[in-house]
Amino acid sequence: MDDEPMWAADCVIALTPDFAITIPKTANEFAIKDTENEVVRLMMFPLSLTGEAKTWLDELNEGTIETWDELQTTFISRFFPPALFDRLLREIQAFSQHENESLTDAWLRMKEML
């Protein structure tokens, strides 16, 4: 078994044809640490998705995403729109312990909200 991480291996990085995420051509060079991190993120992100999020990514047009920043922005705007963010922020800011609620239960509820 090779001790090098998978992204440092001397191989061509390719995703399935017509895939929405484009891996930079410099992916196999890794001359710049930021490039290495971005490529790893772009490669690993699809593996973290299930259900509606996976379907969303699979249905994007080929080459839609070229950078990690584009992926973050696109994903957040789809699954975490500003109205939802604002509502959740208001709920967190207005948080208080309910009457007859233990401190532990209140803390757990707060952690869930966060």
PDB file of N, CA and C in Angstrom:
ATOM      1  N   MET A   1       0.845  -1.186   0.000  1.00  0.00           N
ATOM      2  CA  MET A   1       0.000   0.000   0.000  1.00  0.00           C
ATOM      3  C   MET A   1       0.882   1.238   0.000  1.00  0.00           C
ATOM      4  N   ASP A   2       0.588   2.168  -0.842  1.00  0.00           N
ATOM      5  CA  ASP A   2       1.348   3.397  -0.988  1.00  0.00           C
ATOM      6  C   ASP A   2       1.046   4.326   0.182  1.00  0.00           C
ATOM      7  N   ASP A   3       2.085   5.004   0.703  1.00  0.00           N
ATOM      8  CA  ASP A   3       1.895   5.900   1.843  1.00  0.00           C
ATOM      9  C   ASP A   3       1.502   7.314   1.437  1.00  0.00           C
ATOM     10  N   GLU A   4       1.509   7.617   0.130  1.00  0.00           N
ATOM     11  CA  GLU A   4       1.144   8.958  -0.314  1.00  0.00           C
ATOM     12  C   GLU A   4      -0.372   9.113  -0.335  1.00  0.00           C
ATOM     13  N   PRO A   5      -0.864  10.324  -0.027  1.00  0.00           N
ATOM     14  CA  PRO A   5      -2.317  10.542  -0.122  1.00  0.00           C
ATOM     15  C   PRO A   5      -2.773  10.388  -1.557  1.00  0.00           C
ATOM     16  N   MET A   6      -4.051  10.065  -1.743  1.00  0.00           N
ATOM     17  CA  MET A   6      -4.558   9.792  -3.076  1.00  0.00           C
ATOM     18  C   MET A   6      -4.402  10.971  -4.016  1.00  0.00           C
ATOM     19  N   TRP A   7      -4.453  12.226  -3.491  1.00  0.00           N
ATOM     20  CA  TRP A   7      -4.359  13.377  -4.368  1.00  0.00           C
ATOM     21  C   TRP A   7      -2.928  13.677  -4.794  1.00  0.00           C
ATOM     22  N   ALA A   8      -1.938  13.030  -4.154  1.00  0.00           N
ATOM     23  CA  ALA A   8      -0.551  13.252  -4.535  1.00  0.00           C
ATOM     24  C   ALA A   8      -0.072  12.209  -5.537  1.00  0.00           C
ATOM     25  N   ALA A   9      -0.874  11.224  -5.809  1.00  0.00           N
ATOM     26  CA  ALA A   9      -0.486  10.162  -6.744  1.00  0.00           C
ATOM     27  C   ALA A   9      -0.344  10.733  -8.145  1.00  0.00           C
ATOM     28  N   ASP A  10       0.583  10.170  -8.900  1.00  0.00           N
ATOM     29  CA  ASP A  10       0.814  10.623 -10.259  1.00  0.00           C
ATOM     30  C   ASP A  10      -0.194   9.954 -11.183  1.00  0.00           C
ATOM     31  N   CYS A  11      -1.394  10.524 -11.227  1.00  0.00           N
ATOM     32  CA  CYS A  11      -2.453   9.954 -12.043  1.00  0.00           C
ATOM     33  C   CYS A  11      -3.329  11.070 -12.581  1.00  0.00           C
ATOM     34  N   VAL A  12      -4.099  10.740 -13.554  1.00  0.00           N
ATOM     35  CA  VAL A  12      -5.019  11.715 -14.128  1.00  0.00           C
ATOM     36  C   VAL A  12      -6.290  11.709 -13.303  1.00  0.00           C
ATOM     37  N   ILE A  13      -6.716  12.890 -12.916  1.00  0.00           N
ATOM     38  CA  ILE A  13      -7.948  13.013 -12.136  1.00  0.00           C
ATOM     39  C   ILE A  13      -9.083  13.279 -13.106  1.00  0.00           C
ATOM     40  N   ALA A  14     -10.061  12.416 -13.107  1.00  0.00           N
ATOM     41  CA  ALA A  14     -11.179  12.594 -14.022  1.00  0.00           C
ATOM     42  C   ALA A  14     -12.474  12.197 -13.343  1.00  0.00           C
ATOM     43  N   LEU A  15     -13.484  12.963 -13.575  1.00  0.00           N
ATOM     44  CA  LEU A  15     -14.813  12.633 -13.081  1.00  0.00           C
ATOM     45  C   LEU A  15     -15.607  12.078 -14.254  1.00  0.00           C
ATOM     46  N   THR A  16     -16.798  11.661 -13.998  1.00  0.00           N
ATOM     47  CA  THR A  16     -17.613  11.089 -15.059  1.00  0.00           C
ATOM     48  C   THR A  16     -17.895  12.132 -16.145  1.00  0.00           C
ATOM     49  N   PRO A  17     -18.094  11.694 -17.382  1.00  0.00           N
ATOM     50  CA  PRO A  17     -18.403  12.649 -18.456  1.00  0.00           C
ATOM     51  C   PRO A  17     -19.657  13.453 -18.125  1.00  0.00           C
ATOM     52  N   ASP A  18     -19.701  14.680 -18.614  1.00  0.00           N
ATOM     53  CA  ASP A  18     -20.833  15.581 -18.405  1.00  0.00           C
ATOM     54  C   ASP A  18     -21.028  15.946 -16.938  1.00  0.00           C
ATOM     55  N   PHE A  19     -19.978  15.879 -16.137  1.00  0.00           N
ATOM     56  CA  PHE A  19     -20.080  16.189 -14.720  1.00  0.00           C
ATOM     57  C   PHE A  19     -20.043  17.693 -14.510  1.00  0.00           C
ATOM     58  N   ALA A  20     -20.801  18.185 -13.554  1.00  0.00           N
ATOM     59  CA  ALA A  20     -20.938  19.620 -13.315  1.00  0.00           C
ATOM     60  C   ALA A  20     -19.652  20.255 -12.787  1.00  0.00           C
ATOM     61  N   ILE A  21     -18.838  19.496 -12.039  1.00  0.00           N
ATOM     62  CA  ILE A  21     -17.623  20.046 -11.446  1.00  0.00           C
ATOM     63  C   ILE A  21     -16.445  19.775 -12.375  1.00  0.00           C
ATOM     64  N   THR A  22     -15.733  20.842 -12.714  1.00  0.00           N
ATOM     65  CA  THR A  22     -14.537  20.724 -13.550  1.00  0.00           C
ATOM     66  C   THR A  22     -13.320  20.773 -12.643  1.00  0.00           C
ATOM     67  N   ILE A  23     -12.503  19.723 -12.692  1.00  0.00           N
ATOM     68  CA  ILE A  23     -11.268  19.689 -11.911  1.00  0.00           C
ATOM     69  C   ILE A  23     -10.195  20.433 -12.715  1.00  0.00           C
ATOM     70  N   PRO A  24      -9.490  21.401 -12.090  1.00  0.00           N
ATOM     71  CA  PRO A  24      -8.476  22.170 -12.817  1.00  0.00           C
ATOM     72  C   PRO A  24      -7.417  21.264 -13.441  1.00  0.00           C
ATOM     73  N   LYS A  25      -6.912  21.673 -14.606  1.00  0.00           N
ATOM     74  CA  LYS A  25      -5.896  20.883 -15.302  1.00  0.00           C
ATOM     75  C   LYS A  25      -4.610  20.798 -14.485  1.00  0.00           C
ATOM     76  N   THR A  26      -4.393  21.725 -13.570  1.00  0.00           N
ATOM     77  CA  THR A  26      -3.199  21.718 -12.729  1.00  0.00           C
ATOM     78  C   THR A  26      -3.341  20.749 -11.570  1.00  0.00           C
ATOM     79  N   ALA A  27      -4.405  19.997 -11.534  1.00  0.00           N
ATOM     80  CA  ALA A  27      -4.682  19.116 -10.406  1.00  0.00           C
ATOM     81  C   ALA A  27      -3.576  18.114 -10.157  1.00  0.00           C
ATOM     82  N   ASN A  28      -2.920  17.650 -11.195  1.00  0.00           N
ATOM     83  CA  ASN A  28      -1.875  16.653 -11.016  1.00  0.00           C
ATOM     84  C   ASN A  28      -0.511  17.259 -10.725  1.00  0.00           C
ATOM     85  N   GLU A  29      -0.383  18.581 -10.830  1.00  0.00           N
ATOM     86  CA  GLU A  29       0.891  19.235 -10.572  1.00  0.00           C
ATOM     87  C   GLU A  29       1.045  19.574  -9.093  1.00  0.00           C
ATOM     88  N   PHE A  30       0.013  20.065  -8.496  1.00  0.00           N
ATOM     89  CA  PHE A  30       0.013  20.430  -7.066  1.00  0.00           C
ATOM     90  C   PHE A  30       1.203  21.307  -6.703  1.00  0.00           C
ATOM     91  N   ALA A  31       1.506  22.261  -7.553  1.00  0.00           N
ATOM     92  CA  ALA A  31       2.628  23.149  -7.290  1.00  0.00           C
ATOM     93  C   ALA A  31       2.289  24.163  -6.199  1.00  0.00           C
ATOM     94  N   ILE A  32       1.010  24.440  -6.053  1.00  0.00           N
ATOM     95  CA  ILE A  32       0.581  25.437  -5.070  1.00  0.00           C
ATOM     96  C   ILE A  32      -0.345  24.778  -4.072  1.00  0.00           C
ATOM     97  N   LYS A  33      -0.073  24.985  -2.790  1.00  0.00           N
ATOM     98  CA  LYS A  33      -0.864  24.337  -1.739  1.00  0.00           C
ATOM     99  C   LYS A  33      -2.348  24.653  -1.858  1.00  0.00           C
ATOM    100  N   ASP A  34      -2.704  25.912  -2.181  1.00  0.00           N
ATOM    101  CA  ASP A  34      -4.119  26.264  -2.317  1.00  0.00           C
ATOM    102  C   ASP A  34      -4.785  25.473  -3.426  1.00  0.00           C
ATOM    103  N   THR A  35      -4.065  25.242  -4.515  1.00  0.00           N
ATOM    104  CA  THR A  35      -4.607  24.450  -5.620  1.00  0.00           C
ATOM    105  C   THR A  35      -4.885  23.034  -5.139  1.00  0.00           C
ATOM    106  N   GLU A  36      -3.954  22.482  -4.381  1.00  0.00           N
ATOM    107  CA  GLU A  36      -4.121  21.118  -3.862  1.00  0.00           C
ATOM    108  C   GLU A  36      -5.367  21.022  -3.001  1.00  0.00           C
ATOM    109  N   ASN A  37      -5.545  21.945  -2.089  1.00  0.00           N
ATOM    110  CA  ASN A  37      -6.715  21.918  -1.206  1.00  0.00           C
ATOM    111  C   ASN A  37      -8.007  22.067  -1.993  1.00  0.00           C
ATOM    112  N   GLU A  38      -8.013  22.967  -2.966  1.00  0.00           N
ATOM    113  CA  GLU A  38      -9.229  23.190  -3.753  1.00  0.00           C
ATOM    114  C   GLU A  38      -9.590  21.936  -4.546  1.00  0.00           C
ATOM    115  N   VAL A  39      -8.610  21.303  -5.142  1.00  0.00           N
ATOM    116  CA  VAL A  39      -8.863  20.102  -5.931  1.00  0.00           C
ATOM    117  C   VAL A  39      -9.416  18.990  -5.054  1.00  0.00           C
ATOM    118  N   VAL A  40      -8.850  18.807  -3.883  1.00  0.00           N
ATOM    119  CA  VAL A  40      -9.332  17.767  -2.973  1.00  0.00           C
ATOM    120  C   VAL A  40     -10.772  18.054  -2.572  1.00  0.00           C
ATOM    121  N   ARG A  41     -11.072  19.287  -2.254  1.00  0.00           N
ATOM    122  CA  ARG A  41     -12.449  19.653  -1.892  1.00  0.00           C
ATOM    123  C   ARG A  41     -13.416  19.372  -3.037  1.00  0.00           C
ATOM    124  N   LEU A  42     -13.029  19.798  -4.249  1.00  0.00           N
ATOM    125  CA  LEU A  42     -13.893  19.589  -5.411  1.00  0.00           C
ATOM    126  C   LEU A  42     -14.120  18.101  -5.682  1.00  0.00           C
ATOM    127  N   MET A  43     -13.084  17.297  -5.477  1.00  0.00           N
ATOM    128  CA  MET A  43     -13.205  15.861  -5.732  1.00  0.00           C
ATOM    129  C   MET A  43     -14.037  15.158  -4.666  1.00  0.00           C
ATOM    130  N   MET A  44     -13.908  15.585  -3.427  1.00  0.00           N
ATOM    131  CA  MET A  44     -14.557  14.890  -2.327  1.00  0.00           C
ATOM    132  C   MET A  44     -15.993  15.335  -2.089  1.00  0.00           C
ATOM    133  N   PHE A  45     -16.321  16.557  -2.446  1.00  0.00           N
ATOM    134  CA  PHE A  45     -17.653  17.086  -2.178  1.00  0.00           C
ATOM    135  C   PHE A  45     -18.776  16.187  -2.688  1.00  0.00           C
ATOM    136  N   PRO A  46     -18.733  15.724  -3.940  1.00  0.00           N
ATOM    137  CA  PRO A  46     -19.841  14.880  -4.426  1.00  0.00           C
ATOM    138  C   PRO A  46     -20.044  13.613  -3.597  1.00  0.00           C
ATOM    139  N   LEU A  47     -18.978  13.134  -2.972  1.00  0.00           N
ATOM    140  CA  LEU A  47     -19.086  11.917  -2.167  1.00  0.00           C
ATOM    141  C   LEU A  47     -19.840  12.144  -0.865  1.00  0.00           C
ATOM    142  N   SER A  48     -19.991  13.413  -0.472  1.00  0.00           N
ATOM    143  CA  SER A  48     -20.668  13.729   0.784  1.00  0.00           C
ATOM    144  C   SER A  48     -22.178  13.915   0.610  1.00  0.00           C
ATOM    145  N   LEU A  49     -22.648  13.879  -0.622  1.00  0.00           N
ATOM    146  CA  LEU A  49     -24.048  14.186  -0.884  1.00  0.00           C
ATOM    147  C   LEU A  49     -24.930  12.944  -0.961  1.00  0.00           C
ATOM    148  N   THR A  50     -26.168  13.131  -0.546  1.00  0.00           N
ATOM    149  CA  THR A  50     -27.192  12.088  -0.681  1.00  0.00           C
ATOM    150  C   THR A  50     -28.506  12.770  -1.041  1.00  0.00           C
ATOM    151  N   GLY A  51     -29.468  11.981  -1.421  1.00  0.00           N
ATOM    152  CA  GLY A  51     -30.829  12.464  -1.642  1.00  0.00           C
ATOM    153  C   GLY A  51     -30.934  13.638  -2.587  1.00  0.00           C
ATOM    154  N   GLU A  52     -31.670  14.655  -2.153  1.00  0.00           N
ATOM    155  CA  GLU A  52     -31.959  15.824  -2.992  1.00  0.00           C
ATOM    156  C   GLU A  52     -30.688  16.560  -3.404  1.00  0.00           C
ATOM    157  N   ALA A  53     -29.713  16.636  -2.504  1.00  0.00           N
ATOM    158  CA  ALA A  53     -28.460  17.334  -2.825  1.00  0.00           C
ATOM    159  C   ALA A  53     -27.696  16.608  -3.920  1.00  0.00           C
ATOM    160  N   LYS A  54     -27.660  15.289  -3.868  1.00  0.00           N
ATOM    161  CA  LYS A  54     -26.977  14.503  -4.905  1.00  0.00           C
ATOM    162  C   LYS A  54     -27.699  14.663  -6.240  1.00  0.00           C
ATOM    163  N   THR A  55     -29.011  14.624  -6.222  1.00  0.00           N
ATOM    164  CA  THR A  55     -29.794  14.811  -7.442  1.00  0.00           C
ATOM    165  C   THR A  55     -29.530  16.189  -8.029  1.00  0.00           C
ATOM    166  N   TRP A  56     -29.505  17.209  -7.175  1.00  0.00           N
ATOM    167  CA  TRP A  56     -29.233  18.580  -7.614  1.00  0.00           C
ATOM    168  C   TRP A  56     -27.896  18.646  -8.351  1.00  0.00           C
ATOM    169  N   LEU A  57     -26.841  18.089  -7.751  1.00  0.00           N
ATOM    170  CA  LEU A  57     -25.523  18.141  -8.376  1.00  0.00           C
ATOM    171  C   LEU A  57     -25.505  17.366  -9.696  1.00  0.00           C
ATOM    172  N   ASP A  58     -26.125  16.201  -9.701  1.00  0.00           N
ATOM    173  CA  ASP A  58     -26.161  15.373 -10.915  1.00  0.00           C
ATOM    174  C   ASP A  58     -26.893  16.063 -12.067  1.00  0.00           C
ATOM    175  N   GLU A  59     -27.839  16.942 -11.752  1.00  0.00           N
ATOM    176  CA  GLU A  59     -28.636  17.600 -12.784  1.00  0.00           C
ATOM    177  C   GLU A  59     -28.048  18.924 -13.282  1.00  0.00           C
ATOM    178  N   LEU A  60     -26.956  19.384 -12.650  1.00  0.00           N
ATOM    179  CA  LEU A  60     -26.315  20.610 -13.128  1.00  0.00           C
ATOM    180  C   LEU A  60     -25.657  20.348 -14.481  1.00  0.00           C
ATOM    181  N   ASN A  61     -25.581  21.368 -15.306  1.00  0.00           N
ATOM    182  CA  ASN A  61     -24.933  21.244 -16.608  1.00  0.00           C
ATOM    183  C   ASN A  61     -23.436  21.007 -16.456  1.00  0.00           C
ATOM    184  N   GLU A  62     -22.875  20.350 -17.444  1.00  0.00           N
ATOM    185  CA  GLU A  62     -21.443  20.060 -17.460  1.00  0.00           C
ATOM    186  C   GLU A  62     -20.642  21.356 -17.345  1.00  0.00           C
ATOM    187  N   GLY A  63     -19.618  21.331 -16.504  1.00  0.00           N
ATOM    188  CA  GLY A  63     -18.733  22.473 -16.364  1.00  0.00           C
ATOM    189  C   GLY A  63     -19.308  23.659 -15.629  1.00  0.00           C
ATOM    190  N   THR A  64     -20.434  23.487 -14.950  1.00  0.00           N
ATOM    191  CA  THR A  64     -21.065  24.592 -14.220  1.00  0.00           C
ATOM    192  C   THR A  64     -20.160  25.113 -13.106  1.00  0.00           C
ATOM    193  N   ILE A  65     -19.455  24.215 -12.452  1.00  0.00           N
ATOM    194  CA  ILE A  65     -18.630  24.548 -11.291  1.00  0.00           C
ATOM    195  C   ILE A  65     -17.157  24.385 -11.656  1.00  0.00           C
ATOM    196  N   GLU A  66     -16.359  25.458 -11.438  1.00  0.00           N
ATOM    197  CA  GLU A  66     -14.932  25.373 -11.743  1.00  0.00           C
ATOM    198  C   GLU A  66     -14.045  25.653 -10.533  1.00  0.00           C
ATOM    199  N   THR A  67     -14.608  26.258  -9.485  1.00  0.00           N
ATOM    200  CA  THR A  67     -13.812  26.557  -8.291  1.00  0.00           C
ATOM    201  C   THR A  67     -14.600  26.182  -7.040  1.00  0.00           C
ATOM    202  N   TRP A  68     -13.880  26.064  -5.946  1.00  0.00           N
ATOM    203  CA  TRP A  68     -14.514  25.758  -4.668  1.00  0.00           C
ATOM    204  C   TRP A  68     -15.465  26.876  -4.271  1.00  0.00           C
ATOM    205  N   ASP A  69     -15.074  28.121  -4.514  1.00  0.00           N
ATOM    206  CA  ASP A  69     -15.947  29.254  -4.175  1.00  0.00           C
ATOM    207  C   ASP A  69     -17.261  29.193  -4.950  1.00  0.00           C
ATOM    208  N   GLU A  70     -17.196  28.841  -6.231  1.00  0.00           N
ATOM    209  CA  GLU A  70     -18.415  28.695  -7.025  1.00  0.00           C
ATOM    210  C   GLU A  70     -19.297  27.583  -6.470  1.00  0.00           C
ATOM    211  N   LEU A  71     -18.665  26.488  -6.071  1.00  0.00           N
ATOM    212  CA  LEU A  71     -19.421  25.363  -5.520  1.00  0.00           C
ATOM    213  C   LEU A  71     -20.103  25.767  -4.222  1.00  0.00           C
ATOM    214  N   GLN A  72     -19.382  26.428  -3.338  1.00  0.00           N
ATOM    215  CA  GLN A  72     -19.973  26.877  -2.070  1.00  0.00           C
ATOM    216  C   GLN A  72     -21.157  27.813  -2.316  1.00  0.00           C
ATOM    217  N   THR A  73     -20.951  28.803  -3.150  1.00  0.00           N
ATOM    218  CA  THR A  73     -21.993  29.789  -3.418  1.00  0.00           C
ATOM    219  C   THR A  73     -23.231  29.144  -4.021  1.00  0.00           C
ATOM    220  N   THR A  74     -23.020  28.271  -5.001  1.00  0.00           N
ATOM    221  CA  THR A  74     -24.135  27.607  -5.674  1.00  0.00           C
ATOM    222  C   THR A  74     -24.893  26.699  -4.719  1.00  0.00           C
ATOM    223  N   PHE A  75     -24.166  25.930  -3.926  1.00  0.00           N
ATOM    224  CA  PHE A  75     -24.792  24.995  -2.993  1.00  0.00           C
ATOM    225  C   PHE A  75     -25.565  25.745  -1.907  1.00  0.00           C
ATOM    226  N   ILE A  76     -24.944  26.750  -1.331  1.00  0.00           N
ATOM    227  CA  ILE A  76     -25.595  27.502  -0.247  1.00  0.00           C
ATOM    228  C   ILE A  76     -26.834  28.231  -0.757  1.00  0.00           C
ATOM    229  N   SER A  77     -26.739  28.819  -1.943  1.00  0.00           N
ATOM    230  CA  SER A  77     -27.911  29.533  -2.456  1.00  0.00           C
ATOM    231  C   SER A  77     -29.066  28.580  -2.749  1.00  0.00           C
ATOM    232  N   ARG A  78     -28.752  27.332  -3.087  1.00  0.00           N
ATOM    233  CA  ARG A  78     -29.804  26.348  -3.379  1.00  0.00           C
ATOM    234  C   ARG A  78     -30.422  25.770  -2.104  1.00  0.00           C
ATOM    235  N   PHE A  79     -29.579  25.440  -1.129  1.00  0.00           N
ATOM    236  CA  PHE A  79     -30.073  24.720   0.044  1.00  0.00           C
ATOM    237  C   PHE A  79     -30.140  25.559   1.319  1.00  0.00           C
ATOM    238  N   PHE A  80     -29.657  26.780   1.263  1.00  0.00           N
ATOM    239  CA  PHE A  80     -29.695  27.623   2.448  1.00  0.00           C
ATOM    240  C   PHE A  80     -29.940  29.066   2.019  1.00  0.00           C
ATOM    241  N   PRO A  81     -31.130  29.351   1.482  1.00  0.00           N
ATOM    242  CA  PRO A  81     -31.425  30.685   0.956  1.00  0.00           C
ATOM    243  C   PRO A  81     -31.419  31.745   2.064  1.00  0.00           C
ATOM    244  N   PRO A  82     -31.216  33.003   1.692  1.00  0.00           N
ATOM    245  CA  PRO A  82     -31.139  34.088   2.671  1.00  0.00           C
ATOM    246  C   PRO A  82     -32.339  34.160   3.619  1.00  0.00           C
ATOM    247  N   ALA A  83     -33.534  33.908   3.134  1.00  0.00           N
ATOM    248  CA  ALA A  83     -34.722  33.984   3.998  1.00  0.00           C
ATOM    249  C   ALA A  83     -34.644  32.950   5.119  1.00  0.00           C
ATOM    250  N   LEU A  84     -34.180  31.760   4.799  1.00  0.00           N
ATOM    251  CA  LEU A  84     -34.025  30.719   5.818  1.00  0.00           C
ATOM    252  C   LEU A  84     -32.947  31.119   6.816  1.00  0.00           C
ATOM    253  N   PHE A  85     -31.834  31.636   6.314  1.00  0.00           N
ATOM    254  CA  PHE A  85     -30.751  32.089   7.186  1.00  0.00           C
ATOM    255  C   PHE A  85     -31.258  33.158   8.148  1.00  0.00           C
ATOM    256  N   ASP A  86     -31.976  34.142   7.628  1.00  0.00           N
ATOM    257  CA  ASP A  86     -32.495  35.232   8.465  1.00  0.00           C
ATOM    258  C   ASP A  86     -33.448  34.711   9.539  1.00  0.00           C
ATOM    259  N   ARG A  87     -34.321  33.786   9.160  1.00  0.00           N
ATOM    260  CA  ARG A  87     -35.264  33.226  10.126  1.00  0.00           C
ATOM    261  C   ARG A  87     -34.526  32.478  11.237  1.00  0.00           C
ATOM    262  N   LEU A  88     -33.566  31.652  10.857  1.00  0.00           N
ATOM    263  CA  LEU A  88     -32.818  30.886  11.860  1.00  0.00           C
ATOM    264  C   LEU A  88     -31.987  31.800  12.758  1.00  0.00           C
ATOM    265  N   LEU A  89     -31.409  32.835  12.181  1.00  0.00           N
ATOM    266  CA  LEU A  89     -30.636  33.784  12.969  1.00  0.00           C
ATOM    267  C   LEU A  89     -31.516  34.475  14.004  1.00  0.00           C
ATOM    268  N   ARG A  90     -32.713  34.886  13.591  1.00  0.00           N
ATOM    269  CA  ARG A  90     -33.650  35.513  14.542  1.00  0.00           C
ATOM    270  C   ARG A  90     -34.016  34.550  15.676  1.00  0.00           C
ATOM    271  N   GLU A  91     -34.254  33.277  15.326  1.00  0.00           N
ATOM    272  CA  GLU A  91     -34.599  32.287  16.350  1.00  0.00           C
ATOM    273  C   GLU A  91     -33.444  32.092  17.334  1.00  0.00           C
ATOM    274  N   ILE A  92     -32.240  32.052  16.837  1.00  0.00           N
ATOM    275  CA  ILE A  92     -31.078  31.869  17.712  1.00  0.00           C
ATOM    276  C   ILE A  92     -30.878  33.094  18.591  1.00  0.00           C
ATOM    277  N   GLN A  93     -31.014  34.271  18.012  1.00  0.00           N
ATOM    278  CA  GLN A  93     -30.843  35.495  18.795  1.00  0.00           C
ATOM    279  C   GLN A  93     -31.912  35.651  19.870  1.00  0.00           C
ATOM    280  N   ALA A  94     -33.099  35.102  19.634  1.00  0.00           N
ATOM    281  CA  ALA A  94     -34.197  35.211  20.595  1.00  0.00           C
ATOM    282  C   ALA A  94     -34.237  34.013  21.552  1.00  0.00           C
ATOM    283  N   PHE A  95     -33.239  33.180  21.521  1.00  0.00           N
ATOM    284  CA  PHE A  95     -33.240  31.965  22.330  1.00  0.00           C
ATOM    285  C   PHE A  95     -33.332  32.306  23.818  1.00  0.00           C
ATOM    286  N   SER A  96     -34.157  31.531  24.508  1.00  0.00           N
ATOM    287  CA  SER A  96     -34.205  31.620  25.976  1.00  0.00           C
ATOM    288  C   SER A  96     -34.642  30.258  26.507  1.00  0.00           C
ATOM    289  N   GLN A  97     -34.273  30.024  27.713  1.00  0.00           N
ATOM    290  CA  GLN A  97     -34.645  28.766  28.362  1.00  0.00           C
ATOM    291  C   GLN A  97     -36.135  28.788  28.679  1.00  0.00           C
ATOM    292  N   HIS A  98     -36.839  27.714  28.317  1.00  0.00           N
ATOM    293  CA  HIS A  98     -38.262  27.630  28.599  1.00  0.00           C
ATOM    294  C   HIS A  98     -38.498  27.405  30.095  1.00  0.00           C
ATOM    295  N   GLU A  99     -39.665  27.822  30.528  1.00  0.00           N
ATOM    296  CA  GLU A  99     -40.045  27.583  31.913  1.00  0.00           C
ATOM    297  C   GLU A  99     -40.088  26.073  32.150  1.00  0.00           C
ATOM    298  N   ASN A 100     -39.580  25.634  33.264  1.00  0.00           N
ATOM    299  CA  ASN A 100     -39.508  24.219  33.645  1.00  0.00           C
ATOM    300  C   ASN A 100     -38.592  23.385  32.739  1.00  0.00           C
ATOM    301  N   GLU A 101     -37.762  24.028  31.933  1.00  0.00           N
ATOM    302  CA  GLU A 101     -36.799  23.313  31.093  1.00  0.00           C
ATOM    303  C   GLU A 101     -35.456  23.290  31.811  1.00  0.00           C
ATOM    304  N   SER A 102     -34.856  22.129  31.895  1.00  0.00           N
ATOM    305  CA  SER A 102     -33.560  22.042  32.571  1.00  0.00           C
ATOM    306  C   SER A 102     -32.499  22.757  31.740  1.00  0.00           C
ATOM    307  N   LEU A 103     -31.425  23.137  32.400  1.00  0.00           N
ATOM    308  CA  LEU A 103     -30.328  23.791  31.708  1.00  0.00           C
ATOM    309  C   LEU A 103     -29.745  22.863  30.641  1.00  0.00           C
ATOM    310  N   THR A 104     -29.638  21.584  30.956  1.00  0.00           N
ATOM    311  CA  THR A 104     -29.116  20.608  29.997  1.00  0.00           C
ATOM    312  C   THR A 104     -29.998  20.539  28.756  1.00  0.00           C
ATOM    313  N   ASP A 105     -31.310  20.468  28.965  1.00  0.00           N
ATOM    314  CA  ASP A 105     -32.230  20.411  27.826  1.00  0.00           C
ATOM    315  C   ASP A 105     -32.173  21.693  26.998  1.00  0.00           C
ATOM    316  N   ALA A 106     -32.067  22.825  27.674  1.00  0.00           N
ATOM    317  CA  ALA A 106     -31.966  24.102  26.953  1.00  0.00           C
ATOM    318  C   ALA A 106     -30.677  24.135  26.137  1.00  0.00           C
ATOM    319  N   TRP A 107     -29.585  23.681  26.725  1.00  0.00           N
ATOM    320  CA  TRP A 107     -28.307  23.656  26.018  1.00  0.00           C
ATOM    321  C   TRP A 107     -28.371  22.732  24.798  1.00  0.00           C
ATOM    322  N   LEU A 108     -28.975  21.582  24.953  1.00  0.00           N
ATOM    323  CA  LEU A 108     -29.106  20.654  23.825  1.00  0.00           C
ATOM    324  C   LEU A 108     -29.969  21.253  22.717  1.00  0.00           C
ATOM    325  N   ARG A 109     -31.034  21.938  23.109  1.00  0.00           N
ATOM    326  CA  ARG A 109     -31.892  22.591  22.127  1.00  0.00           C
ATOM    327  C   ARG A 109     -31.133  23.695  21.383  1.00  0.00           C
ATOM    328  N   MET A 110     -30.316  24.443  22.118  1.00  0.00           N
ATOM    329  CA  MET A 110     -29.508  25.494  21.505  1.00  0.00           C
ATOM    330  C   MET A 110     -28.481  24.886  20.535  1.00  0.00           C
ATOM    331  N   LYS A 111     -27.856  23.806  20.942  1.00  0.00           N
ATOM    332  CA  LYS A 111     -26.876  23.153  20.067  1.00  0.00           C
ATOM    333  C   LYS A 111     -27.523  22.678  18.774  1.00  0.00           C
ATOM    334  N   GLU A 112     -28.737  22.161  18.879  1.00  0.00           N
ATOM    335  CA  GLU A 112     -29.467  21.704  17.693  1.00  0.00           C
ATOM    336  C   GLU A 112     -29.783  22.878  16.775  1.00  0.00           C
ATOM    337  N   MET A 113     -30.155  24.007  17.363  1.00  0.00           N
ATOM    338  CA  MET A 113     -30.461  25.188  16.565  1.00  0.00           C
ATOM    339  C   MET A 113     -29.206  25.670  15.808  1.00  0.00           C
ATOM    340  N   LEU A 114     -28.088  25.635  16.499  1.00  0.00           N
ATOM    341  CA  LEU A 114     -26.839  26.078  15.864  1.00  0.00           C
ATOM    342  C   LEU A 114     -26.448  25.136  14.753  1.00  0.00           C
TER     343      LEU A 114
END
